[in-house]
Amino acid sequence: MLILISFVCLALGVIVFRLYEDLANLRRQLQTAKAQIEAQIALRRDLLRQFKESLYTEGSGPRVVGAEAHKIMADVKSAEDKIEFAKRYYNTIAEQYDHRLRMFPYSLLHLPPQEFIELSLDNDGLSC
């Protein structure tokens, strides 16, 4: 009888550990995706600043747009694409996380759901 109780306790411990490990893995993925979004937003803002500097010289007004400005705008577009990809990835993982929280036995943990990220491009950068 003692062996059976020990086995049941061990099995429950393994199940609980796997539940937390599964959720921890999803949370790590969420943190990675959020860090990617933040890094690309910072890169985009820096590129837009560089683009504005390439268009205007201090005190002399606009100058001719050259290959440098076109390259910067291509980099801005690339950063925007990466932001959108990372946002979709983040929201997909958040949806998986929230779905698991609604399932038994995860629902017994009573953890709060993960918020989704909504970003929109504007002239000065990104807004949530």
Protein backbone atom coordinates (compact mmCIF):
# COMPACT_ATOMS: atom_id res chain seq x y z
CA MET A 1 0.00 0.00 0.00
CA LEU A 2 2.84 2.40 0.85
CA ILE A 3 4.43 1.69 -2.53
CA LEU A 4 1.17 2.53 -4.30
CA ILE A 5 0.80 5.82 -2.41
CA SER A 6 4.43 6.69 -3.18
CA PHE A 7 3.88 5.91 -6.86
CA VAL A 8 0.72 8.06 -7.02
CA CYS A 9 2.49 10.97 -5.30
CA LEU A 10 5.43 10.67 -7.68
CA ALA A 11 3.10 10.57 -10.70
CA LEU A 12 1.22 13.65 -9.50
CA GLY A 13 4.50 15.46 -8.91
CA VAL A 14 5.67 14.66 -12.45
CA ILE A 15 2.35 15.85 -13.90
CA VAL A 16 2.47 19.15 -11.99
CA PHE A 17 6.11 19.65 -13.01
CA ARG A 18 5.22 19.04 -16.68
CA LEU A 19 2.35 21.54 -16.48
CA TYR A 20 4.58 24.28 -15.12
CA GLU A 21 7.38 23.38 -17.54
CA ASP A 22 4.96 23.63 -20.47
CA LEU A 23 3.70 27.04 -19.38
CA ALA A 24 7.23 28.23 -18.60
CA ASN A 25 8.32 27.26 -22.12
CA LEU A 26 5.47 29.31 -23.62
CA ARG A 27 6.33 32.28 -21.38
CA ARG A 28 9.98 32.11 -22.54
CA GLN A 29 8.78 32.18 -26.14
CA LEU A 30 6.60 35.20 -25.33
CA GLN A 31 9.56 37.02 -23.74
CA THR A 32 11.75 36.26 -26.76
CA ALA A 33 9.12 37.50 -29.21
CA LYS A 34 8.53 40.66 -27.17
CA ALA A 35 12.27 41.36 -27.07
CA GLN A 36 12.41 40.95 -30.85
CA ILE A 37 9.55 43.41 -31.27
CA GLU A 38 11.21 45.96 -28.99
CA ALA A 39 14.58 45.59 -30.76
CA GLN A 40 13.01 46.09 -34.19
CA ILE A 41 11.00 49.10 -32.98
CA ALA A 42 14.22 50.68 -31.69
CA LEU A 43 15.98 49.89 -34.97
CA ARG A 44 13.11 51.38 -36.99
CA ARG A 45 13.13 54.58 -34.94
CA ASP A 46 16.89 54.89 -35.41
CA LEU A 47 16.57 54.30 -39.15
CA LEU A 48 13.82 56.91 -39.46
CA ARG A 49 16.03 59.39 -37.61
CA GLN A 50 18.88 58.58 -40.01
CA PHE A 51 16.53 58.99 -42.97
CA LYS A 52 15.41 62.44 -41.81
CA GLU A 53 19.06 63.43 -41.31
CA SER A 54 19.90 62.22 -44.82
CA LEU A 55 17.13 64.38 -46.29
CA TYR A 56 17.96 67.61 -44.48
CA THR A 57 21.26 69.15 -43.63
CA GLU A 58 21.31 71.46 -40.66
CA GLY A 59 20.45 75.01 -41.66
CA SER A 60 20.52 74.43 -45.42
CA GLY A 61 17.15 72.79 -46.03
CA PRO A 62 16.48 69.72 -48.15
CA ARG A 63 19.19 68.05 -50.12
CA VAL A 64 19.05 65.59 -52.98
CA VAL A 65 17.81 62.13 -51.96
CA GLY A 66 20.47 59.63 -52.88
CA ALA A 67 21.17 55.95 -52.68
CA GLU A 68 21.79 56.27 -48.94
CA ALA A 69 18.21 57.41 -48.28
CA HIS A 70 16.80 54.64 -50.47
CA LYS A 71 18.89 52.06 -48.59
CA ILE A 72 17.69 53.40 -45.25
CA MET A 73 14.05 53.22 -46.36
CA ALA A 74 14.58 49.62 -47.51
CA ASP A 75 15.99 48.87 -44.05
CA VAL A 76 12.97 50.60 -42.45
CA LYS A 77 10.63 48.41 -44.52
CA SER A 78 12.60 45.32 -43.48
CA ALA A 79 12.34 46.33 -39.82
CA GLU A 80 8.59 46.88 -40.20
CA ASP A 81 8.22 43.42 -41.74
CA LYS A 82 10.17 41.90 -38.84
CA ILE A 83 8.01 43.80 -36.34
CA GLU A 84 4.86 42.45 -37.97
CA PHE A 85 6.25 38.89 -38.03
CA ALA A 86 7.33 39.06 -34.37
CA LYS A 87 3.95 40.54 -33.39
CA ARG A 88 2.10 37.70 -35.14
CA TYR A 89 4.42 35.14 -33.54
CA TYR A 90 3.90 36.69 -30.09
CA ASN A 91 0.11 36.75 -30.48
CA THR A 92 0.09 33.14 -31.72
CA ILE A 93 2.04 32.00 -28.64
CA ALA A 94 -0.18 34.16 -26.38
CA GLU A 95 -3.23 32.47 -27.90
CA GLN A 96 -1.72 29.02 -27.26
CA TYR A 97 -0.89 30.04 -23.69
CA ASP A 98 -4.41 31.34 -23.04
CA HIS A 99 -5.94 28.24 -24.62
CA ARG A 100 -3.94 26.01 -22.30
CA LEU A 101 -5.01 28.05 -19.27
CA ARG A 102 -8.64 27.29 -20.14
CA MET A 103 -7.99 23.54 -20.38
CA PHE A 104 -8.02 21.07 -17.53
CA PRO A 105 -5.71 20.63 -15.55
CA TYR A 106 -4.10 24.00 -16.37
CA SER A 107 -7.31 25.74 -15.35
CA LEU A 108 -6.68 24.61 -11.77
CA LEU A 109 -3.63 26.90 -11.66
CA HIS A 110 -5.78 30.08 -11.89
CA LEU A 111 -3.13 32.04 -13.81
CA PRO A 112 -4.02 35.30 -15.58
CA PRO A 113 -4.28 35.24 -19.39
CA GLN A 114 -1.60 36.79 -21.57
CA GLU A 115 -2.37 40.12 -23.25
CA PHE A 116 -2.09 40.41 -27.02
CA ILE A 117 0.06 43.03 -28.73
CA GLU A 118 -1.54 45.46 -31.17
CA LEU A 119 0.81 47.81 -32.97
CA SER A 120 0.10 50.38 -35.63
CA LEU A 121 2.58 52.32 -37.70
CA ASP A 122 2.39 56.08 -37.61
CA ASN A 123 4.65 58.84 -38.87
CA ASP A 124 6.80 59.04 -35.74
CA GLY A 125 7.21 55.36 -35.06
CA LEU A 126 4.93 52.78 -33.55
CA SER A 127 2.05 53.08 -31.18
CA CYS A 128 0.26 50.40 -29.22
